C-alpha atoms as a PDB file:
ATOM      1  CA  MET A   1      -0.358   0.101   0.244  1.00  0.00           C
ATOM      2  CA  ALA A   2       2.513   2.530   1.001  1.00  0.00           C
ATOM      3  CA  GLU A   3       4.115   1.851  -2.998  1.00  0.00           C
ATOM      4  CA  ARG A   4       1.195   3.524  -3.931  1.00  0.00           C
ATOM      5  CA  ASP A   5       1.271   6.359  -2.064  1.00  0.00           C
ATOM      6  CA  PRO A   6       2.357   9.215  -4.523  1.00  0.00           C
ATOM      7  CA  TYR A   7       3.647  11.749  -1.894  1.00  0.00           C
ATOM      8  CA  LEU A   8       6.396   9.316  -1.009  1.00  0.00           C
ATOM      9  CA  VAL A   9       9.901   9.149  -2.408  1.00  0.00           C
ATOM     10  CA  PRO A  10      10.829   5.481  -3.787  1.00  0.00           C
ATOM     11  CA  GLY A  11      14.526   6.104  -4.076  1.00  0.00           C
ATOM     12  CA  LEU A  12      14.305   7.531  -0.171  1.00  0.00           C
ATOM     13  CA  LEU A  13      12.478   4.333   1.133  1.00  0.00           C
ATOM     14  CA  ARG A  14      14.687   1.959  -0.455  1.00  0.00           C
ATOM     15  CA  GLY A  15      17.178   3.174   0.919  1.00  0.00           C
ATOM     16  CA  LEU A  16      15.780   3.226   4.742  1.00  0.00           C
ATOM     17  CA  GLN A  17      14.962  -0.591   3.718  1.00  0.00           C
ATOM     18  CA  ALA A  18      18.716  -1.552   3.082  1.00  0.00           C
ATOM     19  CA  LEU A  19      19.513   0.562   6.448  1.00  0.00           C
ATOM     20  CA  ARG A  20      16.981  -1.277   8.179  1.00  0.00           C
ATOM     21  CA  ALA A  21      18.005  -4.764   6.702  1.00  0.00           C
ATOM     22  CA  PHE A  22      21.633  -4.549   9.148  1.00  0.00           C
ATOM     23  CA  SER A  23      20.968  -6.160  12.511  1.00  0.00           C
ATOM     24  CA  PRO A  24      23.167  -7.257  15.737  1.00  0.00           C
ATOM     25  CA  LEU A  25      22.834 -10.668  13.688  1.00  0.00           C
ATOM     26  CA  ARG A  26      23.881  -9.789  10.327  1.00  0.00           C
ATOM     27  CA  PRO A  27      26.225  -6.312  10.631  1.00  0.00           C
ATOM     28  CA  GLU A  28      27.945  -6.744   7.435  1.00  0.00           C
ATOM     29  CA  MET A  29      26.318  -7.752   4.286  1.00  0.00           C
ATOM     30  CA  GLY A  30      28.056  -7.786   0.256  1.00  0.00           C
ATOM     31  CA  LEU A  31      26.147  -6.489  -2.390  1.00  0.00           C
ATOM     32  CA  SER A  32      24.058  -9.102  -3.132  1.00  0.00           C
ATOM     33  CA  GLU A  33      23.157  -9.914  -0.425  1.00  0.00           C
ATOM     34  CA  ILE A  34      21.473  -6.219   0.118  1.00  0.00           C
ATOM     35  CA  ALA A  35      19.325  -6.557  -3.330  1.00  0.00           C
ATOM     36  CA  GLU A  36      18.064  -9.952  -1.993  1.00  0.00           C
ATOM     37  CA  ALA A  37      17.122  -7.969   1.057  1.00  0.00           C
ATOM     38  CA  LEU A  38      15.500  -5.033  -0.967  1.00  0.00           C
ATOM     39  CA  GLY A  39      13.643  -7.001  -3.067  1.00  0.00           C
ATOM     40  CA  VAL A  40      15.814  -5.152  -6.217  1.00  0.00           C
ATOM     41  CA  SER A  41      18.147  -5.960  -8.618  1.00  0.00           C
ATOM     42  CA  ARG A  42      22.226  -6.225  -8.347  1.00  0.00           C
ATOM     43  CA  SER A  43      21.886  -2.782 -10.469  1.00  0.00           C
ATOM     44  CA  ALA A  44      19.628  -1.002  -8.379  1.00  0.00           C
ATOM     45  CA  ALA A  45      21.139  -2.078  -5.411  1.00  0.00           C
ATOM     46  CA  PHE A  46      24.263  -0.924  -6.185  1.00  0.00           C
ATOM     47  CA  ARG A  47      22.869   2.799  -6.461  1.00  0.00           C
ATOM     48  CA  THR A  48      21.318   2.399  -3.317  1.00  0.00           C
ATOM     49  CA  VAL A  49      24.381   1.479  -1.978  1.00  0.00           C
ATOM     50  CA  TYR A  50      26.600   3.921  -3.193  1.00  0.00           C
ATOM     51  CA  THR A  51      25.066   6.743  -2.061  1.00  0.00           C
ATOM     52  CA  LEU A  52      24.111   5.819   1.087  1.00  0.00           C
ATOM     53  CA  ALA A  53      27.988   4.736   1.140  1.00  0.00           C
ATOM     54  CA  ALA A  54      28.837   8.548  -0.247  1.00  0.00           C
ATOM     55  CA  GLU A  55      26.725  10.334   2.408  1.00  0.00           C
ATOM     56  CA  GLY A  56      28.240   7.908   5.308  1.00  0.00           C
ATOM     57  CA  CYS A  57      25.493   5.569   6.279  1.00  0.00           C
ATOM     58  CA  LEU A  58      27.001   2.838   5.238  1.00  0.00           C
ATOM     59  CA  LEU A  59      31.006   2.050   5.222  1.00  0.00           C
ATOM     60  CA  ALA A  60      32.251  -0.365   3.054  1.00  0.00           C
ATOM     61  CA  VAL A  61      34.879  -3.118   4.603  1.00  0.00           C
ATOM     62  CA  GLY A  62      36.592  -6.162   3.661  1.00  0.00           C
ATOM     63  CA  PRO A  63      36.884  -7.690  -0.350  1.00  0.00           C
ATOM     64  CA  GLY A  64      34.193  -7.644  -1.936  1.00  0.00           C
ATOM     65  CA  PRO A  65      33.260  -5.251  -0.719  1.00  0.00           C
ATOM     66  CA  ARG A  66      30.436  -5.294   2.007  1.00  0.00           C
ATOM     67  CA  TYR A  67      29.342  -2.881   3.843  1.00  0.00           C
ATOM     68  CA  ARG A  68      28.117  -2.462   7.585  1.00  0.00           C
ATOM     69  CA  LEU A  69      26.806   1.136   8.640  1.00  0.00           C
ATOM     70  CA  GLY A  70      28.352   3.754   9.268  1.00  0.00           C
ATOM     71  CA  PRO A  71      29.036   6.581  11.161  1.00  0.00           C
ATOM     72  CA  ALA A  72      26.354   9.137   9.708  1.00  0.00           C
ATOM     73  CA  VAL A  73      23.586   6.760  10.712  1.00  0.00           C
ATOM     74  CA  VAL A  74      25.221   6.978  14.452  1.00  0.00           C
ATOM     75  CA  GLY A  75      25.002  10.353  14.073  1.00  0.00           C
ATOM     76  CA  LEU A  76      21.236  10.426  13.553  1.00  0.00           C
ATOM     77  CA  GLY A  77      20.716   8.651  16.100  1.00  0.00           C
ATOM     78  CA  TYR A  78      22.514  10.687  18.796  1.00  0.00           C
ATOM     79  CA  GLY A  79      21.366  14.121  17.420  1.00  0.00           C
ATOM     80  CA  TYR A  80      17.115  12.181  17.886  1.00  0.00           C
ATOM     81  CA  HIS A  81      18.646  11.109  21.539  1.00  0.00           C
ATOM     82  CA  ALA A  82      20.049  14.278  22.261  1.00  0.00           C
ATOM     83  CA  SER A  83      16.862  16.397  21.167  1.00  0.00           C
ATOM     84  CA  ARG A  84      14.719  14.132  23.448  1.00  0.00           C
ATOM     85  CA  GLU A  85      16.953  14.449  26.411  1.00  0.00           C
ATOM     86  CA  LEU A  86      16.744  18.413  25.631  1.00  0.00           C
ATOM     87  CA  LEU A  87      12.922  18.348  25.383  1.00  0.00           C
ATOM     88  CA  GLU A  88      12.680  16.042  28.962  1.00  0.00           C
ATOM     89  CA  VAL A  89      15.317  18.453  30.701  1.00  0.00           C
ATOM     90  CA  ALA A  90      13.867  21.520  29.745  1.00  0.00           C
ATOM     91  CA  GLN A  91      10.188  20.911  30.030  1.00  0.00           C
ATOM     92  CA  PRO A  92       9.711  20.924  33.859  1.00  0.00           C
ATOM     93  CA  PRO A  93      11.884  24.434  34.396  1.00  0.00           C
ATOM     94  CA  LEU A  94       9.854  25.461  31.895  1.00  0.00           C
ATOM     95  CA  GLU A  95       6.485  25.218  33.555  1.00  0.00           C
ATOM     96  CA  ARG A  96       7.707  26.176  36.803  1.00  0.00           C
ATOM     97  CA  LEU A  97       8.685  29.863  35.115  1.00  0.00           C
ATOM     98  CA  ARG A  98       4.896  29.919  33.439  1.00  0.00           C
ATOM     99  CA  ASP A  99       3.673  29.177  36.668  1.00  0.00           C
ATOM    100  CA  ALA A 100       5.938  31.635  38.394  1.00  0.00           C
ATOM    101  CA  CYS A 101       5.743  35.181  35.933  1.00  0.00           C
ATOM    102  CA  ASP A 102       2.358  33.887  34.155  1.00  0.00           C
ATOM    103  CA  TRP A 103       4.566  34.580  30.350  1.00  0.00           C
ATOM    104  CA  SER A 104       4.264  32.046  28.012  1.00  0.00           C
ATOM    105  CA  ALA A 105       7.714  29.954  27.772  1.00  0.00           C
ATOM    106  CA  HIS A 106       9.109  28.978  24.935  1.00  0.00           C
ATOM    107  CA  LEU A 107      12.783  26.650  24.142  1.00  0.00           C
ATOM    108  CA  GLY A 108      13.787  26.674  20.395  1.00  0.00           C
ATOM    109  CA  VAL A 109      17.393  25.620  18.469  1.00  0.00           C
ATOM    110  CA  LEU A 110      18.686  27.882  15.470  1.00  0.00           C
ATOM    111  CA  ASP A 111      17.550  26.236  11.835  1.00  0.00           C
ATOM    112  CA  GLY A 112      19.643  28.351   9.500  1.00  0.00           C
ATOM    113  CA  ARG A 113      18.775  32.001   9.805  1.00  0.00           C
ATOM    114  CA  HIS A 114      15.632  30.850  11.683  1.00  0.00           C
ATOM    115  CA  ILE A 115      14.605  29.964  15.363  1.00  0.00           C
ATOM    116  CA  LEU A 116      12.978  26.323  15.313  1.00  0.00           C
ATOM    117  CA  TYR A 117      10.513  26.066  18.056  1.00  0.00           C
ATOM    118  CA  LEU A 118      10.419  22.871  20.039  1.00  0.00           C
ATOM    119  CA  LEU A 119       8.328  23.574  23.417  1.00  0.00           C
ATOM    120  CA  ARG A 120       6.124  25.929  24.359  1.00  0.00           C
ATOM    121  CA  ILE A 121       3.946  26.483  27.777  1.00  0.00           C
ATOM    122  CA  PRO A 122       1.391  29.340  27.410  1.00  0.00           C
ATOM    123  CA  ALA A 123       0.188  31.615  29.717  1.00  0.00           C
ATOM    124  CA  SER A 124      -3.204  31.682  31.606  1.00  0.00           C
ATOM    125  CA  ASP A 125      -4.484  34.245  29.058  1.00  0.00           C
ATOM    126  CA  GLY A 126      -3.860  31.912  26.114  1.00  0.00           C
ATOM    127  CA  LEU A 127      -2.694  34.715  24.108  1.00  0.00           C
ATOM    128  CA  SER A 128       0.622  35.977  25.213  1.00  0.00           C
ATOM    129  CA  SER A 129       2.207  34.121  22.321  1.00  0.00           C
ATOM    130  CA  LEU A 130       1.177  33.244  18.906  1.00  0.00           C
ATOM    131  CA  VAL A 131       3.671  30.584  18.204  1.00  0.00           C
ATOM    132  CA  HIS A 132       3.075  26.984  18.542  1.00  0.00           C
ATOM    133  CA  VAL A 133       5.926  23.992  18.437  1.00  0.00           C
ATOM    134  CA  GLY A 134       7.051  23.617  14.816  1.00  0.00           C
ATOM    135  CA  SER A 135       7.585  27.231  13.905  1.00  0.00           C
ATOM    136  CA  ARG A 136       9.570  29.010  12.276  1.00  0.00           C
ATOM    137  CA  LEU A 137      10.113  32.577  12.718  1.00  0.00           C
ATOM    138  CA  PRO A 138      13.951  34.714  11.677  1.00  0.00           C
ATOM    139  CA  ALA A 139      16.667  34.788  13.934  1.00  0.00           C
ATOM    140  CA  ALA A 140      17.714  38.615  14.118  1.00  0.00           C
ATOM    141  CA  SER A 141      13.925  39.623  14.561  1.00  0.00           C
ATOM    142  CA  THR A 142      13.369  37.506  17.431  1.00  0.00           C
ATOM    143  CA  SER A 143      15.210  37.397  21.145  1.00  0.00           C
ATOM    144  CA  MET A 144      16.131  33.584  20.767  1.00  0.00           C
ATOM    145  CA  GLY A 145      17.117  34.238  18.088  1.00  0.00           C
ATOM    146  CA  ARG A 146      19.169  36.726  18.950  1.00  0.00           C
ATOM    147  CA  VAL A 147      20.605  35.052  21.440  1.00  0.00           C
ATOM    148  CA  PHE A 148      21.948  32.249  18.848  1.00  0.00           C
ATOM    149  CA  LEU A 149      24.079  35.068  17.136  1.00  0.00           C
ATOM    150  CA  ALA A 150      25.322  36.982  20.209  1.00  0.00           C
ATOM    151  CA  HIS A 151      27.190  33.706  20.735  1.00  0.00           C
ATOM    152  CA  ARG A 152      28.503  32.700  17.673  1.00  0.00           C
ATOM    153  CA  SER A 153      31.316  34.083  15.824  1.00  0.00           C
ATOM    154  CA  THR A 154      31.489  37.441  13.733  1.00  0.00           C
ATOM    155  CA  ARG A 155      32.442  35.374  11.135  1.00  0.00           C
ATOM    156  CA  PHE A 156      29.660  33.018  11.498  1.00  0.00           C
ATOM    157  CA  VAL A 157      27.488  35.689  11.434  1.00  0.00           C
ATOM    158  CA  ARG A 158      28.787  37.072   8.167  1.00  0.00           C
ATOM    159  CA  ALA A 159      28.470  33.468   6.606  1.00  0.00           C
ATOM    160  CA  LEU A 160      24.736  32.911   7.948  1.00  0.00           C
ATOM    161  CA  TYR A 161      23.983  36.011   6.036  1.00  0.00           C
ATOM    162  CA  ARG A 162      25.920  35.647   3.346  1.00  0.00           C
ATOM    163  CA  GLY A 163      23.665  37.866   0.522  1.00  0.00           C
ATOM    164  CA  LEU A 164      22.183  39.710   2.759  1.00  0.00           C
ATOM    165  CA  GLU A 165      22.116  43.354   2.062  1.00  0.00           C
ATOM    166  CA  PRO A 166      24.632  44.930   2.962  1.00  0.00           C
ATOM    167  CA  ALA A 167      23.257  47.884   5.789  1.00  0.00           C
ATOM    168  CA  ALA A 168      20.911  44.656   6.957  1.00  0.00           C
ATOM    169  CA  LEU A 169      23.580  42.540   7.353  1.00  0.00           C
ATOM    170  CA  GLN A 170      25.196  45.739   9.330  1.00  0.00           C
ATOM    171  CA  ARG A 171      21.811  45.666  11.203  1.00  0.00           C
ATOM    172  CA  ILE A 172      22.463  42.198  12.516  1.00  0.00           C
ATOM    173  CA  LEU A 173      26.387  42.904  13.481  1.00  0.00           C
ATOM    174  CA  GLU A 174      25.283  45.593  15.548  1.00  0.00           C
ATOM    175  CA  ALA A 175      22.458  44.068  17.366  1.00  0.00           C
ATOM    176  CA  ARG A 176      24.943  41.197  17.719  1.00  0.00           C
ATOM    177  CA  LYS A 177      27.148  43.566  19.990  1.00  0.00           C
ATOM    178  CA  ARG A 178      24.808  45.198  22.179  1.00  0.00           C
ATOM    179  CA  ASP A 179      23.259  41.578  23.002  1.00  0.00           C
ATOM    180  CA  ARG A 180      26.873  40.158  23.847  1.00  0.00           C
ATOM    181  CA  ARG A 181      26.851  43.084  26.418  1.00  0.00           C
ATOM    182  CA  GLN A 182      24.541  40.960  28.957  1.00  0.00           C
ATOM    183  CA  PRO A 183      23.780  38.329  29.738  1.00  0.00           C
ATOM    184  CA  HIS A 184      20.316  37.850  28.369  1.00  0.00           C
ATOM    185  CA  VAL A 185      18.135  39.657  25.463  1.00  0.00           C
ATOM    186  CA  ALA A 186      15.302  41.846  25.693  1.00  0.00           C
ATOM    187  CA  SER A 187      12.875  42.448  22.962  1.00  0.00           C
ATOM    188  CA  LEU A 188      10.398  45.523  23.400  1.00  0.00           C
ATOM    189  CA  GLY A 189       8.039  45.185  20.935  1.00  0.00           C
ATOM    190  CA  SER A 190      10.890  44.685  17.834  1.00  0.00           C
ATOM    191  CA  PHE A 191       8.905  41.036  16.513  1.00  0.00           C
ATOM    192  CA  GLU A 192       4.910  42.442  17.716  1.00  0.00           C
ATOM    193  CA  THR A 193       3.424  45.457  18.474  1.00  0.00           C
ATOM    194  CA  GLY A 194       2.705  44.993  22.078  1.00  0.00           C
ATOM    195  CA  LEU A 195       4.482  41.787  22.513  1.00  0.00           C
ATOM    196  CA  CYS A 196       7.945  41.996  25.237  1.00  0.00           C
ATOM    197  CA  SER A 197      10.235  39.239  25.721  1.00  0.00           C
ATOM    198  CA  VAL A 198      13.088  38.644  26.918  1.00  0.00           C
ATOM    199  CA  ALA A 199      15.430  35.352  26.362  1.00  0.00           C
ATOM    200  CA  ALA A 200      18.729  33.656  27.507  1.00  0.00           C
ATOM    201  CA  PRO A 201      20.602  31.174  26.181  1.00  0.00           C
ATOM    202  CA  VAL A 202      21.097  26.879  27.240  1.00  0.00           C
ATOM    203  CA  ARG A 203      24.360  25.363  27.250  1.00  0.00           C
ATOM    204  CA  ASP A 204      25.628  21.757  27.428  1.00  0.00           C
ATOM    205  CA  LEU A 205      28.181  19.829  29.194  1.00  0.00           C
ATOM    206  CA  GLY A 206      30.630  21.096  27.061  1.00  0.00           C
ATOM    207  CA  GLY A 207      29.319  25.031  27.447  1.00  0.00           C
ATOM    208  CA  GLY A 208      28.488  25.525  24.056  1.00  0.00           C
ATOM    209  CA  VAL A 209      24.853  26.973  23.554  1.00  0.00           C
ATOM    210  CA  VAL A 210      22.603  24.538  22.229  1.00  0.00           C
ATOM    211  CA  ALA A 211      19.460  25.857  22.621  1.00  0.00           C
ATOM    212  CA  ALA A 212      17.409  29.015  24.017  1.00  0.00           C
ATOM    213  CA  ILE A 213      14.551  30.088  26.502  1.00  0.00           C
ATOM    214  CA  SER A 214      12.199  32.840  26.281  1.00  0.00           C
ATOM    215  CA  ALA A 215       9.169  34.379  28.406  1.00  0.00           C
ATOM    216  CA  THR A 216       6.933  36.239  26.659  1.00  0.00           C
ATOM    217  CA  LYS A 217       3.566  38.510  27.355  1.00  0.00           C
ATOM    218  CA  ASN A 218       1.694  40.988  25.544  1.00  0.00           C
ATOM    219  CA  THR A 219       2.836  44.179  27.853  1.00  0.00           C
ATOM    220  CA  ASP A 220       4.952  47.589  27.909  1.00  0.00           C
ATOM    221  CA  ARG A 221       7.471  46.318  30.441  1.00  0.00           C
ATOM    222  CA  ILE A 222      10.002  43.355  31.395  1.00  0.00           C
ATOM    223  CA  PRO A 223       9.959  43.264  34.726  1.00  0.00           C
ATOM    224  CA  ALA A 224      12.970  42.955  36.726  1.00  0.00           C
ATOM    225  CA  LYS A 225      11.854  40.452  37.864  1.00  0.00           C
ATOM    226  CA  VAL A 226      11.054  37.718  34.819  1.00  0.00           C
ATOM    227  CA  VAL A 227      14.588  38.511  33.650  1.00  0.00           C
ATOM    228  CA  ASP A 228      16.209  37.021  36.594  1.00  0.00           C
ATOM    229  CA  LEU A 229      13.954  33.767  36.017  1.00  0.00           C
ATOM    230  CA  VAL A 230      14.373  33.260  32.764  1.00  0.00           C
ATOM    231  CA  LEU A 231      18.766  33.755  33.769  1.00  0.00           C
ATOM    232  CA  ARG A 232      17.790  30.985  36.446  1.00  0.00           C
ATOM    233  CA  THR A 233      15.832  28.814  34.331  1.00  0.00           C
ATOM    234  CA  ALA A 234      18.135  28.335  31.875  1.00  0.00           C
ATOM    235  CA  GLU A 235      20.944  27.637  34.139  1.00  0.00           C
ATOM    236  CA  SER A 236      19.004  25.297  35.694  1.00  0.00           C
ATOM    237  CA  ILE A 237      17.957  23.584  31.643  1.00  0.00           C
ATOM    238  CA  GLY A 238      22.146  23.853  31.677  1.00  0.00           C
ATOM    239  CA  ARG A 239      22.959  22.167  34.472  1.00  0.00           C
ATOM    240  CA  GLY A 240      20.224  19.691  33.533  1.00  0.00           C
ATOM    241  CA  LEU A 241      22.633  18.089  30.571  1.00  0.00           C
ATOM    242  CA  GLY A 242      25.898  18.802  32.411  1.00  0.00           C
ATOM    243  CA  TRP A 243      26.888  22.425  32.002  1.00  0.00           C
ATOM    244  CA  GLN A 244      28.929  23.546  35.110  1.00  0.00           C
ATOM    245  CA  PRO A 245      29.293  27.720  34.946  1.00  0.00           C
ATOM    246  CA  ALA A 246      33.075  28.431  36.019  1.00  0.00           C
ATOM    247  CA  ASP A 247      32.290  30.287  38.885  1.00  0.00           C
ATOM    248  CA  GLY A 248      30.571  27.391  40.040  1.00  0.00           C
ATOM    249  CA  GLY A 249      28.040  29.663  41.024  1.00  0.00           C
ATOM    250  CA  GLY A 250      24.057  29.694  40.893  1.00  0.00           C
END
């Protein structure tokens, strides 16, 4: 039935089926074995295997050659588990943040020039956030996105926005320079009129910024209490990921 679905990509399906054919009981296979597992000819299997090997998903070993799963597959699995860990660690502190100030709380990661929203804990009014899980907003226009840009090198930011009109790039770099002066990023209606937001970085075991959190509300000011809560929440999530501040403080 799946083969009749017009939206499925046959080549991608075949590649995934090839990867699933490997198991602890069959860690290595030759081209003929892969073709048999897929139910296709050797020539059709060769194109699939060649593509997977070029992308690091299969590794050629021994004579023949024979193949086994490559490091790229391990990387995909690690990314999945890492993202699950981030969500599981972040949700309870974000819920406490929302409860403490009744601002909507969010978790996001950098996705190209955009922020991808992974978690949303809405405030009681239900109106303090117009985004939802899976939303992608311009990084340079959002507090969480500006957190990421502030913690990336100038070289990275220039490369990320290569091709952008020079004046627009300069505005992004100037905002980045201002944002680097403090531990949080505040936004007073810069993305949406009347919507205030404060964001902070989340660090992992290695100290790198792997995510950002924010609190947002329809208001005309950001109380110092909210800034402090956001910073403490970001630190709490970071500690849950193994990060230890250099000064060991809280």
